[in-house]
Structures are given as structure tokens and as C-alpha cells.
Amino acid sequence: MANSYTYILIHYVFSTKNREKLITAPLQKRLWSYMGGIARENNMKALAIGGIEDHVHLLISLSVTISISKAIQSSLQD
């Protein structure tokens, strides 16, 4: 199809095991950068990454070449 446009945004949230407060303020900046790097390596754009001590929120934009399940799997396994 000529001139087709696809824009896939995914917001997902995951927590630490047993919702333990493991993500301290000093760790957050490094963790967010690391997650952004994982997104870039897998042809995704991390539009927003954040959270608090016991969970993380990610808003990513997917290319049409990757499925949603593969995107989530790639983000969590690296």
C-alpha cells in the first residue's frame, strides 16, 4: 500500500520480585540509560522510561519489523 503509516506505541510496567524496593535513586539514572540502550539495539525507540523503587514504566515505539511479544522479550532478556 502506498503512503501507509504505522505507529505502534507500547506502555508496559514490570516490578521487582516481590515488589522489593531495589531501584534506589542512585541506580535509577544508570538503569534508565541501560534500558534505553537495549531499546536502541533492538530497533525500538524508548520515548519514556521511569518508575520508583519497586517498578518500572517503559513507553516504546516499535518498528513494523518486530512483534510486540518479541519487543517485550528483547527488553527483558538483555
N, C-alpha and C. Protein backbone atom coordinates (compact mmCIF):
# COMPACT_ATOMS: atom_id res chain seq x y z
N MET A 1 0.84 -1.17 0.00
CA MET A 1 0.00 0.00 0.00
C MET A 1 0.89 1.24 0.00
N ALA A 2 0.70 2.11 -0.93
CA ALA A 2 1.46 3.35 -0.97
C ALA A 2 0.99 4.29 0.12
N ASN A 3 1.91 5.04 0.67
CA ASN A 3 1.61 6.04 1.69
C ASN A 3 0.97 5.47 2.96
N SER A 4 1.29 4.24 3.29
CA SER A 4 0.76 3.71 4.54
C SER A 4 1.64 4.18 5.69
N TYR A 5 1.06 4.29 6.85
CA TYR A 5 1.76 4.81 8.02
C TYR A 5 1.39 3.96 9.23
N THR A 6 2.40 3.48 9.91
CA THR A 6 2.18 2.67 11.10
C THR A 6 2.96 3.27 12.26
N TYR A 7 2.30 3.41 13.38
CA TYR A 7 2.93 3.96 14.58
C TYR A 7 2.45 3.13 15.76
N ILE A 8 3.35 2.32 16.32
CA ILE A 8 2.98 1.41 17.39
C ILE A 8 3.65 1.86 18.68
N LEU A 9 2.83 2.23 19.65
CA LEU A 9 3.34 2.61 20.97
C LEU A 9 2.94 1.56 21.98
N ILE A 10 3.88 1.17 22.80
CA ILE A 10 3.63 0.18 23.83
C ILE A 10 4.03 0.77 25.18
N HIS A 11 3.13 0.69 26.14
CA HIS A 11 3.44 1.08 27.52
C HIS A 11 3.39 -0.19 28.34
N TYR A 12 4.51 -0.54 28.95
CA TYR A 12 4.44 -1.69 29.82
C TYR A 12 5.12 -1.41 31.14
N VAL A 13 4.65 -2.13 32.13
CA VAL A 13 5.08 -1.93 33.51
C VAL A 13 5.50 -3.29 34.06
N PHE A 14 6.63 -3.31 34.73
CA PHE A 14 7.00 -4.53 35.44
C PHE A 14 7.61 -4.16 36.77
N SER A 15 7.57 -5.11 37.69
CA SER A 15 8.02 -4.82 39.05
C SER A 15 9.20 -5.71 39.43
N THR A 16 9.83 -5.34 40.52
CA THR A 16 10.88 -6.17 41.08
C THR A 16 10.23 -7.40 41.72
N LYS A 17 11.01 -8.41 41.95
CA LYS A 17 10.49 -9.62 42.57
C LYS A 17 9.96 -9.29 43.96
N ASN A 18 8.75 -9.73 44.23
CA ASN A 18 8.07 -9.49 45.50
C ASN A 18 7.90 -7.99 45.81
N ARG A 19 7.96 -7.17 44.76
CA ARG A 19 7.82 -5.70 44.89
C ARG A 19 8.81 -5.13 45.91
N GLU A 20 9.99 -5.76 45.99
CA GLU A 20 11.02 -5.24 46.89
C GLU A 20 11.54 -3.91 46.36
N LYS A 21 11.86 -3.00 47.25
CA LYS A 21 12.31 -1.66 46.87
C LYS A 21 13.80 -1.69 46.58
N LEU A 22 14.14 -2.18 45.37
CA LEU A 22 15.54 -2.37 44.99
C LEU A 22 16.09 -1.27 44.09
N ILE A 23 15.22 -0.51 43.45
CA ILE A 23 15.67 0.50 42.49
C ILE A 23 15.86 1.82 43.23
N THR A 24 17.04 2.02 43.75
CA THR A 24 17.35 3.21 44.53
C THR A 24 17.56 4.41 43.60
N ALA A 25 17.51 5.60 44.15
CA ALA A 25 17.70 6.82 43.36
C ALA A 25 19.04 6.84 42.61
N PRO A 26 20.15 6.47 43.25
CA PRO A 26 21.42 6.46 42.51
C PRO A 26 21.43 5.45 41.35
N LEU A 27 20.70 4.37 41.48
CA LEU A 27 20.66 3.34 40.45
C LEU A 27 19.75 3.72 39.29
N GLN A 28 18.74 4.52 39.54
CA GLN A 28 17.73 4.83 38.53
C GLN A 28 18.32 5.39 37.24
N LYS A 29 19.17 6.38 37.32
CA LYS A 29 19.71 7.01 36.11
C LYS A 29 20.46 5.99 35.26
N ARG A 30 21.27 5.15 35.89
CA ARG A 30 22.01 4.12 35.15
C ARG A 30 21.07 3.09 34.55
N LEU A 31 20.05 2.69 35.31
CA LEU A 31 19.10 1.69 34.83
C LEU A 31 18.29 2.22 33.65
N TRP A 32 17.83 3.45 33.74
CA TRP A 32 17.05 4.04 32.64
C TRP A 32 17.91 4.12 31.37
N SER A 33 19.16 4.53 31.51
CA SER A 33 20.06 4.60 30.35
C SER A 33 20.29 3.22 29.75
N TYR A 34 20.48 2.25 30.61
CA TYR A 34 20.70 0.88 30.16
C TYR A 34 19.50 0.37 29.37
N MET A 35 18.30 0.62 29.88
CA MET A 35 17.09 0.17 29.19
C MET A 35 16.92 0.89 27.86
N GLY A 36 17.27 2.16 27.81
CA GLY A 36 17.23 2.89 26.54
C GLY A 36 18.18 2.29 25.52
N GLY A 37 19.35 1.87 25.97
CA GLY A 37 20.31 1.22 25.08
C GLY A 37 19.79 -0.11 24.54
N ILE A 38 19.13 -0.88 25.39
CA ILE A 38 18.54 -2.13 24.94
C ILE A 38 17.50 -1.87 23.86
N ALA A 39 16.69 -0.84 24.07
CA ALA A 39 15.67 -0.49 23.07
C ALA A 39 16.34 -0.13 21.74
N ARG A 40 17.37 0.71 21.79
CA ARG A 40 18.06 1.12 20.55
C ARG A 40 18.65 -0.09 19.83
N GLU A 41 19.28 -0.99 20.56
CA GLU A 41 19.90 -2.17 19.95
C GLU A 41 18.87 -3.07 19.26
N ASN A 42 17.63 -2.99 19.68
CA ASN A 42 16.57 -3.83 19.12
C ASN A 42 15.63 -3.05 18.20
N ASN A 43 16.11 -1.94 17.64
CA ASN A 43 15.35 -1.12 16.68
C ASN A 43 14.04 -0.60 17.25
N MET A 44 14.06 -0.21 18.52
CA MET A 44 12.91 0.41 19.15
C MET A 44 13.35 1.79 19.64
N LYS A 45 12.40 2.68 19.86
CA LYS A 45 12.71 3.98 20.43
C LYS A 45 12.08 4.06 21.82
N ALA A 46 12.90 4.31 22.81
CA ALA A 46 12.40 4.49 24.16
C ALA A 46 11.96 5.95 24.29
N LEU A 47 10.68 6.18 24.34
CA LEU A 47 10.15 7.54 24.43
C LEU A 47 10.13 8.04 25.86
N ALA A 48 9.90 7.13 26.80
CA ALA A 48 9.90 7.50 28.23
C ALA A 48 10.23 6.25 29.04
N ILE A 49 11.11 6.44 30.03
CA ILE A 49 11.45 5.37 30.96
C ILE A 49 11.46 5.99 32.35
N GLY A 50 10.83 5.33 33.28
CA GLY A 50 10.80 5.86 34.64
C GLY A 50 10.22 4.84 35.59
N GLY A 51 10.05 5.26 36.80
CA GLY A 51 9.49 4.37 37.80
C GLY A 51 9.89 4.80 39.20
N ILE A 52 9.68 3.89 40.14
CA ILE A 52 10.07 4.14 41.53
C ILE A 52 10.81 2.91 42.04
N GLU A 53 10.93 2.81 43.34
CA GLU A 53 11.77 1.78 43.94
C GLU A 53 11.38 0.35 43.59
N ASP A 54 10.10 0.10 43.31
CA ASP A 54 9.68 -1.28 43.11
C ASP A 54 9.07 -1.59 41.74
N HIS A 55 9.03 -0.63 40.82
CA HIS A 55 8.56 -0.95 39.48
C HIS A 55 9.05 0.07 38.45
N VAL A 56 8.96 -0.35 37.17
CA VAL A 56 9.46 0.45 36.05
C VAL A 56 8.35 0.59 35.02
N HIS A 57 8.27 1.76 34.40
CA HIS A 57 7.36 2.02 33.28
C HIS A 57 8.22 2.29 32.05
N LEU A 58 7.84 1.71 30.92
CA LEU A 58 8.51 1.99 29.66
C LEU A 58 7.46 2.34 28.61
N LEU A 59 7.73 3.38 27.84
CA LEU A 59 6.92 3.73 26.68
C LEU A 59 7.85 3.62 25.48
N ILE A 60 7.58 2.67 24.62
CA ILE A 60 8.45 2.45 23.47
C ILE A 60 7.65 2.52 22.18
N SER A 61 8.35 2.91 21.14
CA SER A 61 7.80 2.94 19.80
C SER A 61 8.44 1.79 19.02
N LEU A 62 7.63 0.97 18.41
CA LEU A 62 8.13 -0.20 17.68
C LEU A 62 8.16 0.06 16.19
N SER A 63 9.14 -0.58 15.52
CA SER A 63 9.10 -0.58 14.07
C SER A 63 8.15 -1.69 13.63
N VAL A 64 7.77 -1.68 12.39
CA VAL A 64 6.83 -2.69 11.90
C VAL A 64 7.50 -4.04 11.71
N THR A 65 8.82 -4.11 11.87
CA THR A 65 9.54 -5.36 11.66
C THR A 65 9.63 -6.23 12.91
N ILE A 66 9.13 -5.76 14.04
CA ILE A 66 9.23 -6.52 15.28
C ILE A 66 7.84 -6.66 15.91
N SER A 67 7.55 -7.85 16.39
CA SER A 67 6.25 -8.07 17.04
C SER A 67 6.28 -7.53 18.46
N ILE A 68 5.12 -7.31 19.01
CA ILE A 68 5.03 -6.81 20.38
C ILE A 68 5.66 -7.81 21.35
N SER A 69 5.35 -9.08 21.19
CA SER A 69 5.91 -10.08 22.10
C SER A 69 7.42 -10.15 22.00
N LYS A 70 7.98 -10.04 20.81
CA LYS A 70 9.44 -10.05 20.65
C LYS A 70 10.07 -8.81 21.27
N ALA A 71 9.40 -7.67 21.16
CA ALA A 71 9.92 -6.44 21.75
C ALA A 71 10.01 -6.55 23.27
N ILE A 72 8.97 -7.07 23.88
CA ILE A 72 8.96 -7.22 25.33
C ILE A 72 10.02 -8.24 25.74
N GLN A 73 10.10 -9.34 25.03
CA GLN A 73 11.08 -10.36 25.34
C GLN A 73 12.50 -9.81 25.22
N SER A 74 12.78 -9.03 24.18
CA SER A 74 14.12 -8.45 23.99
C SER A 74 14.45 -7.48 25.11
N SER A 75 13.47 -6.71 25.53
CA SER A 75 13.71 -5.72 26.58
C SER A 75 14.02 -6.37 27.92
N LEU A 76 13.45 -7.51 28.18
CA LEU A 76 13.62 -8.15 29.48
C LEU A 76 14.78 -9.13 29.54
N GLN A 77 15.24 -9.62 28.41
CA GLN A 77 16.28 -10.65 28.43
C GLN A 77 17.69 -10.09 28.34
N ASP A 78 17.89 -8.93 27.80
CA ASP A 78 19.25 -8.41 27.64
C ASP A 78 19.86 -7.99 28.94
